[in-house]
Amino acid sequence: MAKPHPKGPQTTVEISCSGCRTLLLKYRKGGKGSLVKCFKERINADLTQQPGICPKCGRQFARETLIRGAPALKIIGGKVQVR
């Protein structure tokens, strides 16, 4: 399968924890749909100490996985807000 385009889109979104409202990631998102996965090569700023875990409340918001051969974070539904 094809890997995601490395340069990717220009639209940057801020991803925050839905429980404590802490800013988690700044991500270059493509398309109009909901956020389901975050390819690691498109993450502009990662403000977490452990991948997929909120640094303030300790809640897991994503799981590390491989999607189409590229490392990514698979978002757990309802755990994050996108702005």
Protein backbone atom coordinates (compact mmCIF):
# COMPACT_ATOMS: atom_id res chain seq x y z
CA MET A 1 0.00 0.00 0.00
CA ALA A 2 1.01 3.60 -0.51
CA LYS A 3 2.52 5.60 2.32
CA PRO A 4 1.15 9.06 3.15
CA HIS A 5 2.70 11.98 1.29
CA PRO A 6 5.60 13.14 3.52
CA LYS A 7 5.16 16.88 2.96
CA GLY A 8 1.45 16.59 3.54
CA PRO A 9 -1.16 19.30 3.89
CA GLN A 10 -0.59 22.86 5.08
CA THR A 11 -3.55 22.97 7.52
CA THR A 12 -2.32 22.73 11.12
CA VAL A 13 -4.72 21.70 13.91
CA GLU A 14 -4.23 21.71 17.67
CA ILE A 15 -5.14 18.48 19.46
CA SER A 16 -6.01 18.76 23.16
CA CYS A 17 -7.18 16.33 25.86
CA SER A 18 -10.97 16.34 26.24
CA GLY A 19 -10.69 15.69 29.99
CA CYS A 20 -8.26 18.39 31.15
CA ARG A 21 -7.97 20.58 28.00
CA THR A 22 -4.15 20.25 27.89
CA LEU A 23 -2.56 20.86 24.48
CA LEU A 24 -1.09 17.55 23.27
CA LEU A 25 -0.07 17.86 19.61
CA LYS A 26 0.11 20.24 16.68
CA TYR A 27 -0.62 18.19 13.55
CA ARG A 28 -0.80 18.83 9.79
CA LYS A 29 -4.21 17.35 8.96
CA GLY A 30 -5.56 16.69 5.48
CA GLY A 31 -9.20 16.44 4.49
CA LYS A 32 -12.45 17.49 6.12
CA GLY A 33 -13.25 14.37 8.14
CA SER A 34 -12.82 13.63 11.80
CA LEU A 35 -9.40 12.87 13.29
CA VAL A 36 -8.89 9.09 13.39
CA LYS A 37 -5.11 8.75 13.09
CA CYS A 38 -2.00 10.94 13.30
CA PHE A 39 0.98 9.96 11.18
CA LYS A 40 4.14 10.69 13.21
CA GLU A 41 5.88 12.34 10.24
CA ARG A 42 3.12 14.99 10.10
CA ILE A 43 3.31 15.98 13.80
CA ASN A 44 4.73 19.51 14.10
CA ALA A 45 4.92 19.71 17.91
CA ASP A 46 4.59 16.81 20.36
CA LEU A 47 3.99 18.10 23.90
CA THR A 48 3.67 14.66 25.56
CA GLN A 49 6.34 12.75 27.46
CA GLN A 50 4.97 9.29 26.51
CA PRO A 51 3.30 8.75 23.12
CA GLY A 52 -0.48 8.57 23.44
CA ILE A 53 -0.67 9.58 27.13
CA CYS A 54 -1.79 13.01 28.42
CA PRO A 55 1.02 14.55 30.54
CA LYS A 56 -1.38 16.32 32.93
CA CYS A 57 -4.12 13.77 33.73
CA GLY A 58 -2.36 10.56 32.62
CA ARG A 59 -5.28 9.47 30.42
CA GLN A 60 -4.52 7.43 27.28
CA PHE A 61 -5.78 9.20 24.15
CA ALA A 62 -4.07 7.15 21.40
CA ARG A 63 -2.28 3.87 20.64
CA GLU A 64 0.96 3.51 18.67
CA THR A 65 0.52 1.44 15.50
CA LEU A 66 1.65 1.01 11.90
CA ILE A 67 -0.80 2.27 9.27
CA ARG A 68 0.11 1.57 5.62
CA GLY A 69 3.67 0.83 6.76
CA ALA A 70 4.15 4.20 8.48
CA PRO A 71 4.26 4.77 12.27
CA ALA A 72 1.12 6.50 13.53
CA LEU A 73 -1.02 7.23 16.58
CA LYS A 74 -4.51 5.71 16.37
CA ILE A 75 -6.83 8.11 18.23
CA ILE A 76 -9.32 6.66 20.76
CA GLY A 77 -12.78 8.12 20.09
CA GLY A 78 -13.91 10.93 22.38
CA LYS A 79 -10.57 11.37 24.14
CA VAL A 80 -9.35 14.43 22.19
CA GLN A 81 -10.67 17.73 20.85
CA VAL A 82 -9.43 19.27 17.60
CA ARG A 83 -9.22 23.04 16.98
